[in-house]
C-alpha atoms as a PDB file:
ATOM      1  CA  MET A   1      44.935  11.165  88.291  1.00  0.00           C
ATOM      2  CA  LYS A   2      41.498  11.806  89.160  1.00  0.00           C
ATOM      3  CA  HIS A   3      42.346  14.778  91.383  1.00  0.00           C
ATOM      4  CA  ASP A   4      43.944  16.322  88.121  1.00  0.00           C
ATOM      5  CA  LYS A   5      40.890  15.622  86.038  1.00  0.00           C
ATOM      6  CA  ILE A   6      38.697  17.312  88.519  1.00  0.00           C
ATOM      7  CA  GLN A   7      40.998  20.458  88.674  1.00  0.00           C
ATOM      8  CA  LYS A   8      41.360  20.680  85.144  1.00  0.00           C
ATOM      9  CA  SER A   9      37.424  20.568  84.674  1.00  0.00           C
ATOM     10  CA  ILE A  10      37.152  23.437  87.557  1.00  0.00           C
ATOM     11  CA  THR A  11      39.666  25.432  85.863  1.00  0.00           C
ATOM     12  CA  ALA A  12      38.184  24.912  82.348  1.00  0.00           C
ATOM     13  CA  TYR A  13      34.738  25.973  83.859  1.00  0.00           C
ATOM     14  CA  LEU A  14      36.007  29.166  85.595  1.00  0.00           C
ATOM     15  CA  CYS A  15      37.943  29.974  82.489  1.00  0.00           C
ATOM     16  CA  ARG A  16      34.814  29.894  80.558  1.00  0.00           C
ATOM     17  CA  TYR A  17      32.622  31.924  82.872  1.00  0.00           C
ATOM     18  CA  MET A  18      35.235  34.400  83.650  1.00  0.00           C
ATOM     19  CA  SER A  19      35.406  34.865  79.779  1.00  0.00           C
ATOM     20  CA  HIS A  20      31.752  35.491  79.705  1.00  0.00           C
ATOM     21  CA  ALA A  21      31.865  37.465  82.794  1.00  0.00           C
ATOM     22  CA  PRO A  22      32.261  41.284  81.008  1.00  0.00           C
ATOM     23  CA  ALA A  23      29.251  40.462  78.888  1.00  0.00           C
ATOM     24  CA  ARG A  24      26.871  39.354  81.888  1.00  0.00           C
ATOM     25  CA  LEU A  25      27.987  42.510  83.535  1.00  0.00           C
ATOM     26  CA  ASP A  26      27.287  44.579  80.498  1.00  0.00           C
ATOM     27  CA  PHE A  27      23.647  42.964  79.821  1.00  0.00           C
ATOM     28  CA  MET A  28      23.202  44.118  83.929  1.00  0.00           C
ATOM     29  CA  GLN A  29      24.321  47.554  83.271  1.00  0.00           C
ATOM     30  CA  SER A  30      22.018  47.845  80.360  1.00  0.00           C
ATOM     31  CA  LEU A  31      18.961  46.051  82.008  1.00  0.00           C
ATOM     32  CA  THR A  32      19.245  47.774  85.266  1.00  0.00           C
ATOM     33  CA  GLY A  33      19.653  51.222  83.470  1.00  0.00           C
ATOM     34  CA  PHE A  34      16.628  50.668  81.360  1.00  0.00           C
ATOM     35  CA  ILE A  35      14.509  49.987  84.222  1.00  0.00           C
ATOM     36  CA  LEU A  36      15.958  53.231  86.110  1.00  0.00           C
ATOM     37  CA  ALA A  37      15.127  55.168  83.078  1.00  0.00           C
ATOM     38  CA  LEU A  38      11.720  53.799  82.785  1.00  0.00           C
ATOM     39  CA  PHE A  39      11.293  55.018  86.633  1.00  0.00           C
ATOM     40  CA  ILE A  40      12.332  58.538  85.912  1.00  0.00           C
ATOM     41  CA  VAL A  41      10.135  58.955  83.169  1.00  0.00           C
ATOM     42  CA  ALA A  42       6.965  57.728  85.076  1.00  0.00           C
ATOM     43  CA  HIS A  43       8.156  59.389  88.229  1.00  0.00           C
ATOM     44  CA  LEU A  44       8.631  62.760  86.870  1.00  0.00           C
ATOM     45  CA  LEU A  45       5.282  62.616  85.159  1.00  0.00           C
ATOM     46  CA  PHE A  46       3.255  61.510  88.317  1.00  0.00           C
ATOM     47  CA  GLU A  47       5.263  64.213  90.342  1.00  0.00           C
ATOM     48  CA  ALA A  48       4.124  66.824  87.512  1.00  0.00           C
ATOM     49  CA  SER A  49       0.585  65.962  88.919  1.00  0.00           C
ATOM     50  CA  ILE A  50       1.057  68.776  91.330  1.00  0.00           C
ATOM     51  CA  ILE A  51       1.199  71.258  88.417  1.00  0.00           C
ATOM     52  CA  ILE A  52      -2.643  70.350  87.654  1.00  0.00           C
ATOM     53  CA  SER A  53      -3.757  70.744  91.430  1.00  0.00           C
ATOM     54  CA  LYS A  54      -2.940  69.788  94.797  1.00  0.00           C
ATOM     55  CA  ASP A  55      -5.901  67.199  94.772  1.00  0.00           C
ATOM     56  CA  ALA A  56      -4.534  65.660  91.707  1.00  0.00           C
ATOM     57  CA  MET A  57      -1.133  65.189  93.446  1.00  0.00           C
ATOM     58  CA  LEU A  58      -2.876  64.025  96.474  1.00  0.00           C
ATOM     59  CA  ALA A  59      -4.816  61.409  94.125  1.00  0.00           C
ATOM     60  CA  VAL A  60      -1.614  60.048  92.702  1.00  0.00           C
ATOM     61  CA  THR A  61      -0.113  59.955  96.266  1.00  0.00           C
ATOM     62  CA  LYS A  62      -3.043  57.929  97.513  1.00  0.00           C
ATOM     63  CA  LEU A  63      -2.778  55.427  94.112  1.00  0.00           C
ATOM     64  CA  PHE A  64       0.766  54.582  95.303  1.00  0.00           C
ATOM     65  CA  GLU A  65      -0.192  53.742  98.941  1.00  0.00           C
ATOM     66  CA  GLY A  66      -2.804  51.545  97.975  1.00  0.00           C
ATOM     67  CA  TYR A  67      -5.799  53.474  98.935  1.00  0.00           C
ATOM     68  CA  TYR A  68      -7.860  52.762  95.805  1.00  0.00           C
ATOM     69  CA  PHE A  69      -7.413  49.162  96.020  1.00  0.00           C
ATOM     70  CA  PHE A  70      -7.505  48.330  99.851  1.00  0.00           C
ATOM     71  CA  GLY A  71      -9.788  50.940 101.038  1.00  0.00           C
ATOM     72  CA  GLU A  72      -6.858  52.243 102.755  1.00  0.00           C
ATOM     73  CA  ALA A  73      -3.599  53.988 102.944  1.00  0.00           C
ATOM     74  CA  TYR A  74      -0.563  52.113 103.447  1.00  0.00           C
ATOM     75  CA  PRO A  75       2.550  54.327 103.315  1.00  0.00           C
ATOM     76  CA  SER A  76       4.707  51.159 103.782  1.00  0.00           C
ATOM     77  CA  ILE A  77       3.984  50.315 100.010  1.00  0.00           C
ATOM     78  CA  ILE A  78       5.961  53.423  99.031  1.00  0.00           C
ATOM     79  CA  SER A  79       8.954  52.337 101.069  1.00  0.00           C
ATOM     80  CA  PHE A  80       9.190  49.111  99.616  1.00  0.00           C
ATOM     81  CA  LEU A  81       8.993  50.574  95.866  1.00  0.00           C
ATOM     82  CA  ALA A  82      11.955  52.981  96.898  1.00  0.00           C
ATOM     83  CA  ALA A  83      14.017  50.010  98.313  1.00  0.00           C
ATOM     84  CA  PHE A  84      13.632  48.212  95.090  1.00  0.00           C
ATOM     85  CA  ILE A  85      14.787  51.126  93.196  1.00  0.00           C
ATOM     86  CA  PHE A  86      17.572  51.574  95.546  1.00  0.00           C
ATOM     87  CA  ILE A  87      18.687  48.220  95.177  1.00  0.00           C
ATOM     88  CA  ILE A  88      18.470  48.448  91.072  1.00  0.00           C
ATOM     89  CA  PHE A  89      20.294  51.562  91.441  1.00  0.00           C
ATOM     90  CA  ILE A  90      23.090  50.203  93.311  1.00  0.00           C
ATOM     91  CA  LEU A  91      23.599  47.204  91.166  1.00  0.00           C
ATOM     92  CA  HIS A  92      23.553  49.576  88.314  1.00  0.00           C
ATOM     93  CA  ALA A  93      26.057  51.631  89.753  1.00  0.00           C
ATOM     94  CA  LEU A  94      28.563  48.668  90.747  1.00  0.00           C
ATOM     95  CA  THR A  95      28.179  47.393  87.491  1.00  0.00           C
ATOM     96  CA  ALA A  96      28.835  50.718  85.727  1.00  0.00           C
ATOM     97  CA  VAL A  97      31.545  52.138  87.731  1.00  0.00           C
ATOM     98  CA  ARG A  98      34.133  49.248  86.349  1.00  0.00           C
ATOM     99  CA  LYS A  99      34.199  51.167  83.134  1.00  0.00           C
ATOM    100  CA  LEU A 100      35.452  54.503  84.863  1.00  0.00           C
ATOM    101  CA  PRO A 101      38.950  55.497  84.390  1.00  0.00           C
ATOM    102  CA  SER A 102      40.610  54.309  87.654  1.00  0.00           C
ATOM    103  CA  SER A 103      43.548  56.651  87.391  1.00  0.00           C
ATOM    104  CA  TYR A 104      44.618  60.208  86.557  1.00  0.00           C
ATOM    105  CA  ARG A 105      46.920  58.697  83.712  1.00  0.00           C
ATOM    106  CA  GLN A 106      43.646  57.080  82.316  1.00  0.00           C
ATOM    107  CA  TYR A 107      41.570  59.949  82.787  1.00  0.00           C
ATOM    108  CA  HIS A 108      44.214  61.893  80.959  1.00  0.00           C
ATOM    109  CA  LEU A 109      44.234  59.430  78.244  1.00  0.00           C
ATOM    110  CA  PHE A 110      40.731  59.371  77.638  1.00  0.00           C
ATOM    111  CA  LYS A 111      40.843  63.305  77.513  1.00  0.00           C
ATOM    112  CA  LYS A 112      43.330  63.391  74.887  1.00  0.00           C
ATOM    113  CA  HIS A 113      41.317  60.773  72.717  1.00  0.00           C
ATOM    114  CA  SER A 114      38.212  62.754  72.673  1.00  0.00           C
ATOM    115  CA  LEU A 115      39.982  65.887  71.944  1.00  0.00           C
ATOM    116  CA  GLN A 116      41.602  64.334  69.147  1.00  0.00           C
ATOM    117  CA  PHE A 117      38.608  62.601  67.748  1.00  0.00           C
ATOM    118  CA  GLN A 118      36.077  65.108  68.682  1.00  0.00           C
ATOM    119  CA  HIS A 119      33.610  61.937  68.841  1.00  0.00           C
ATOM    120  CA  ASN A 120      29.937  63.241  70.134  1.00  0.00           C
ATOM    121  CA  ASP A 121      29.230  60.140  71.825  1.00  0.00           C
ATOM    122  CA  THR A 122      32.463  59.907  73.681  1.00  0.00           C
ATOM    123  CA  THR A 123      31.378  63.502  74.802  1.00  0.00           C
ATOM    124  CA  LEU A 124      27.984  61.964  75.829  1.00  0.00           C
ATOM    125  CA  TRP A 125      29.503  59.314  77.650  1.00  0.00           C
ATOM    126  CA  PHE A 126      31.755  61.934  79.600  1.00  0.00           C
ATOM    127  CA  TYR A 127      28.763  63.703  80.590  1.00  0.00           C
ATOM    128  CA  GLN A 128      27.152  60.514  81.823  1.00  0.00           C
ATOM    129  CA  VAL A 129      30.018  59.994  83.911  1.00  0.00           C
ATOM    130  CA  ILE A 130      29.521  63.275  85.658  1.00  0.00           C
ATOM    131  CA  THR A 131      26.063  63.223  86.166  1.00  0.00           C
ATOM    132  CA  GLY A 132      26.579  59.478  87.360  1.00  0.00           C
ATOM    133  CA  PHE A 133      28.842  60.979  89.795  1.00  0.00           C
ATOM    134  CA  MET A 134      26.327  63.390  91.115  1.00  0.00           C
ATOM    135  CA  MET A 135      23.657  60.801  91.264  1.00  0.00           C
ATOM    136  CA  PHE A 136      25.826  58.706  93.311  1.00  0.00           C
ATOM    137  CA  PHE A 137      25.816  61.221  96.234  1.00  0.00           C
ATOM    138  CA  LEU A 138      21.960  62.594  95.493  1.00  0.00           C
ATOM    139  CA  ALA A 139      19.964  59.929  94.900  1.00  0.00           C
ATOM    140  CA  PRO A 140      20.459  57.599  97.987  1.00  0.00           C
ATOM    141  CA  ILE A 141      19.658  60.761 100.126  1.00  0.00           C
ATOM    142  CA  HIS A 142      16.115  61.144  98.335  1.00  0.00           C
ATOM    143  CA  LEU A 143      15.507  57.292  98.338  1.00  0.00           C
ATOM    144  CA  TYR A 144      16.147  56.765 101.951  1.00  0.00           C
ATOM    145  CA  MET A 145      13.922  59.538 102.787  1.00  0.00           C
ATOM    146  CA  MET A 146      11.391  58.063 100.703  1.00  0.00           C
ATOM    147  CA  MET A 147      12.392  54.160 102.568  1.00  0.00           C
ATOM    148  CA  THR A 148      12.370  55.820 106.101  1.00  0.00           C
ATOM    149  CA  GLN A 149       9.404  58.988 105.830  1.00  0.00           C
ATOM    150  CA  PRO A 150       7.021  57.498 103.116  1.00  0.00           C
ATOM    151  CA  ALA A 151       4.089  59.449 105.046  1.00  0.00           C
ATOM    152  CA  ASN A 152       5.695  62.595 104.441  1.00  0.00           C
ATOM    153  CA  ILE A 153       4.388  62.597 100.862  1.00  0.00           C
ATOM    154  CA  GLY A 154       1.740  65.005  99.802  1.00  0.00           C
ATOM    155  CA  PRO A 155       0.738  68.833  98.407  1.00  0.00           C
ATOM    156  CA  TYR A 156       1.819  70.481 101.649  1.00  0.00           C
ATOM    157  CA  ALA A 157       4.380  67.550 103.160  1.00  0.00           C
ATOM    158  CA  SER A 158       6.296  67.511 100.167  1.00  0.00           C
ATOM    159  CA  ALA A 159       6.230  71.450  99.633  1.00  0.00           C
ATOM    160  CA  ASP A 160       7.145  71.869 103.069  1.00  0.00           C
ATOM    161  CA  ARG A 161      10.252  69.593 102.644  1.00  0.00           C
ATOM    162  CA  ILE A 162      11.346  71.289  99.243  1.00  0.00           C
ATOM    163  CA  TYR A 163      10.946  75.129 100.784  1.00  0.00           C
ATOM    164  CA  SER A 164      11.049  75.042 104.562  1.00  0.00           C
ATOM    165  CA  ASP A 165      13.344  72.026 104.962  1.00  0.00           C
ATOM    166  CA  TRP A 166      15.487  73.686 102.217  1.00  0.00           C
ATOM    167  CA  MET A 167      15.864  70.502 100.044  1.00  0.00           C
ATOM    168  CA  TRP A 168      15.311  72.259  97.008  1.00  0.00           C
ATOM    169  CA  PRO A 169      19.203  72.540  96.171  1.00  0.00           C
ATOM    170  CA  LEU A 170      19.617  68.887  96.378  1.00  0.00           C
ATOM    171  CA  TYR A 171      16.193  68.275  94.396  1.00  0.00           C
ATOM    172  CA  LEU A 172      17.357  70.866  91.631  1.00  0.00           C
ATOM    173  CA  LEU A 173      20.715  69.072  90.943  1.00  0.00           C
ATOM    174  CA  LEU A 174      19.391  65.584  91.068  1.00  0.00           C
ATOM    175  CA  LEU A 175      16.822  66.572  88.747  1.00  0.00           C
ATOM    176  CA  ILE A 176      19.209  68.066  86.239  1.00  0.00           C
ATOM    177  CA  SER A 177      21.629  64.934  86.604  1.00  0.00           C
ATOM    178  CA  VAL A 178      19.037  62.327  86.604  1.00  0.00           C
ATOM    179  CA  VAL A 179      17.098  63.698  83.136  1.00  0.00           C
ATOM    180  CA  ILE A 180      20.568  64.418  81.520  1.00  0.00           C
ATOM    181  CA  HIS A 181      21.656  60.748  82.384  1.00  0.00           C
ATOM    182  CA  ALA A 182      18.680  58.912  81.816  1.00  0.00           C
ATOM    183  CA  GLY A 183      18.361  60.906  78.347  1.00  0.00           C
ATOM    184  CA  ILE A 184      21.701  60.068  77.047  1.00  0.00           C
ATOM    185  CA  GLY A 185      21.468  56.331  78.714  1.00  0.00           C
ATOM    186  CA  LEU A 186      18.424  55.666  76.505  1.00  0.00           C
ATOM    187  CA  TYR A 187      20.040  56.843  73.295  1.00  0.00           C
ATOM    188  CA  ARG A 188      23.199  54.929  74.407  1.00  0.00           C
ATOM    189  CA  LEU A 189      20.915  52.056  74.642  1.00  0.00           C
ATOM    190  CA  ALA A 190      19.414  52.219  71.455  1.00  0.00           C
ATOM    191  CA  MET A 191      23.007  52.544  69.982  1.00  0.00           C
ATOM    192  CA  LYS A 192      24.244  49.415  71.887  1.00  0.00           C
ATOM    193  CA  TRP A 193      21.542  47.064  70.905  1.00  0.00           C
ATOM    194  CA  GLY A 194      20.991  48.126  67.406  1.00  0.00           C
ATOM    195  CA  LEU A 195      17.509  49.825  67.797  1.00  0.00           C
ATOM    196  CA  LEU A 196      16.637  51.139  64.272  1.00  0.00           C
ATOM    197  CA  THR A 197      20.217  51.042  63.483  1.00  0.00           C
ATOM    198  CA  ARG A 198      20.489  47.186  62.089  1.00  0.00           C
ATOM    199  CA  HIS A 199      20.636  48.547  58.536  1.00  0.00           C
ATOM    200  CA  HIS A 200      23.043  47.586  55.728  1.00  0.00           C
ATOM    201  CA  ASN A 201      22.404  50.847  54.140  1.00  0.00           C
ATOM    202  CA  HIS A 202      24.780  52.900  55.929  1.00  0.00           C
ATOM    203  CA  LYS A 203      23.014  56.236  55.031  1.00  0.00           C
ATOM    204  CA  GLN A 204      19.638  54.866  56.368  1.00  0.00           C
ATOM    205  CA  THR A 205      21.534  54.146  59.407  1.00  0.00           C
ATOM    206  CA  LYS A 206      22.946  57.446  59.477  1.00  0.00           C
ATOM    207  CA  LYS A 207      19.796  58.907  59.315  1.00  0.00           C
ATOM    208  CA  ASN A 208      18.279  56.811  62.143  1.00  0.00           C
ATOM    209  CA  ARG A 209      21.205  57.494  64.622  1.00  0.00           C
ATOM    210  CA  TYR A 210      20.391  61.188  64.141  1.00  0.00           C
ATOM    211  CA  LEU A 211      16.894  60.768  64.610  1.00  0.00           C
ATOM    212  CA  ILE A 212      17.285  58.948  67.894  1.00  0.00           C
ATOM    213  CA  LYS A 213      19.911  61.467  68.880  1.00  0.00           C
ATOM    214  CA  LYS A 214      17.466  64.284  68.280  1.00  0.00           C
ATOM    215  CA  ILE A 215      14.730  62.345  70.033  1.00  0.00           C
ATOM    216  CA  MET A 216      17.016  62.259  73.243  1.00  0.00           C
ATOM    217  CA  ILE A 217      17.402  66.206  73.211  1.00  0.00           C
ATOM    218  CA  ILE A 218      13.666  66.857  73.057  1.00  0.00           C
ATOM    219  CA  GLY A 219      13.254  64.221  75.690  1.00  0.00           C
ATOM    220  CA  ILE A 220      15.831  65.887  78.070  1.00  0.00           C
ATOM    221  CA  VAL A 221      14.757  69.381  77.347  1.00  0.00           C
ATOM    222  CA  VAL A 222      10.709  68.532  78.033  1.00  0.00           C
ATOM    223  CA  TYR A 223      11.352  66.336  80.936  1.00  0.00           C
ATOM    224  CA  LEU A 224      13.797  69.017  82.418  1.00  0.00           C
ATOM    225  CA  CYS A 225      11.022  71.627  81.577  1.00  0.00           C
ATOM    226  CA  ILE A 226       8.264  69.343  83.235  1.00  0.00           C
ATOM    227  CA  GLY A 227      10.591  68.858  86.418  1.00  0.00           C
ATOM    228  CA  LEU A 228      11.769  72.305  86.889  1.00  0.00           C
ATOM    229  CA  LEU A 229       8.144  73.125  86.734  1.00  0.00           C
ATOM    230  CA  SER A 230       7.122  70.675  89.287  1.00  0.00           C
ATOM    231  CA  LEU A 231       9.996  72.017  91.439  1.00  0.00           C
ATOM    232  CA  ALA A 232       8.561  75.735  91.058  1.00  0.00           C
ATOM    233  CA  THR A 233       5.121  74.925  91.901  1.00  0.00           C
ATOM    234  CA  TYR A 234       6.347  72.893  95.086  1.00  0.00           C
ATOM    235  CA  MET A 235       8.326  76.362  96.136  1.00  0.00           C
ATOM    236  CA  MET A 236       5.448  78.216  95.388  1.00  0.00           C
ATOM    237  CA  ILE A 237       3.133  75.829  97.773  1.00  0.00           C
ATOM    238  CA  GLY A 238       6.005  76.000 100.221  1.00  0.00           C
ATOM    239  CA  TYR A 239       6.274  79.338 100.585  1.00  0.00           C
ATOM    240  CA  ASP A 240       2.696  80.307 101.018  1.00  0.00           C
ATOM    241  CA  HIS A 241       2.219  77.416 103.500  1.00  0.00           C
ATOM    242  CA  GLN A 242       5.525  78.153 105.412  1.00  0.00           C
ATOM    243  CA  ASP A 243       3.680  79.711 108.722  1.00  0.00           C
ATOM    244  CA  LYS A 244       1.851  76.326 108.807  1.00  0.00           C
ATOM    245  CA  ALA A 245       4.834  73.796 107.848  1.00  0.00           C
ATOM    246  CA  GLY A 246       3.783  70.793 109.088  1.00  0.00           C
ATOM    247  CA  GLU A 247       0.293  70.619 108.632  1.00  0.00           C
ATOM    248  CA  ARG A 248      -1.492  68.196 106.079  1.00  0.00           C
ATOM    249  CA  TYR A 249      -3.227  68.992 102.812  1.00  0.00           C
ATOM    250  CA  HIS A 250      -7.148  67.730 103.149  1.00  0.00           C
ATOM    251  CA  PRO A 251      -9.316  67.889  99.991  1.00  0.00           C
ATOM    252  CA  VAL A 252     -11.767  70.922 100.090  1.00  0.00           C
ATOM    253  CA  GLU A 253     -14.570  68.314  99.917  1.00  0.00           C
ATOM    254  CA  THR A 254     -13.543  66.523 103.312  1.00  0.00           C
ATOM    255  CA  LEU A 255     -13.773  70.349 105.159  1.00  0.00           C
ATOM    256  CA  LYS A 256     -17.644  71.003 104.091  1.00  0.00           C
END
C-alpha cells in the first residue's frame, strides 16, 4: 500500500512537471533569444568602430581584453565570452528546434496554411526558420574561431582573416542571417509578451503592433547597413594589407 502511494505521488509529480515543461522551454527560448539579440546589437556596434578608424577598433579590442582594467591584455577573456555566447546559442537552438516541422508532411501543411491565410507574422516566422538554419552552420564556425584564436582580433588581424583568408563569404551570410533573425525575433518577443499591445482598445493595439513592426524593419535595415559598411571597411584594409598579411597593427604614437 505504501509503495503504491509513493508510486502515485511520483506519477502525479511527473505529470505536473511535464505539463509545465512546454512553458518552461518556451520561456528558455525567449530568454536565450533575447540575450543573443542584445549581444548582436552590441557586437555590431563595437565592430563598427573600424569605420571610425583602426585606432578606434584597436581600443575596443583592448577594452574586451581587459587592458584598461588590468593594465595588460588578456585575450582569454574573449575566449570566455565567446564560450558563454556559444552555450546560450546551443540552448536557444535546442529549445527552438522543437517547433520546426519534423517531416515533409508537416512542412507541406504549414506551407498550405501560410498560403491560404497570407498572415504576415507566419511569413516572418518562416524567415526566422530559414535564417536560423543558416546560423546553425555559420555561427559555430565564427564562435569557435573566437574561442580558439582570441589574439587574432584587431584592425589588421581581422581584416587579413576576412580578406586574405577568404572568410568574407561566411561573414556576409552570417551578417544577413543574424540581423534578420534577431530583428524578427525581437518583434515576435514583443508580440508574445505583450509589449505595447496590452490594450482593451483594439485600434490602439493594432497601431502599436504596426509601430513595433515598423521599428523592426528600420532596425534590420540600419544594422544591415552598419554591418555591411564594417565588412566593406575590413575588406579594403585587408586588400591594402595583403602583402603584409599576418602583421599586427600598432598605433602611430607607439612608432614614434
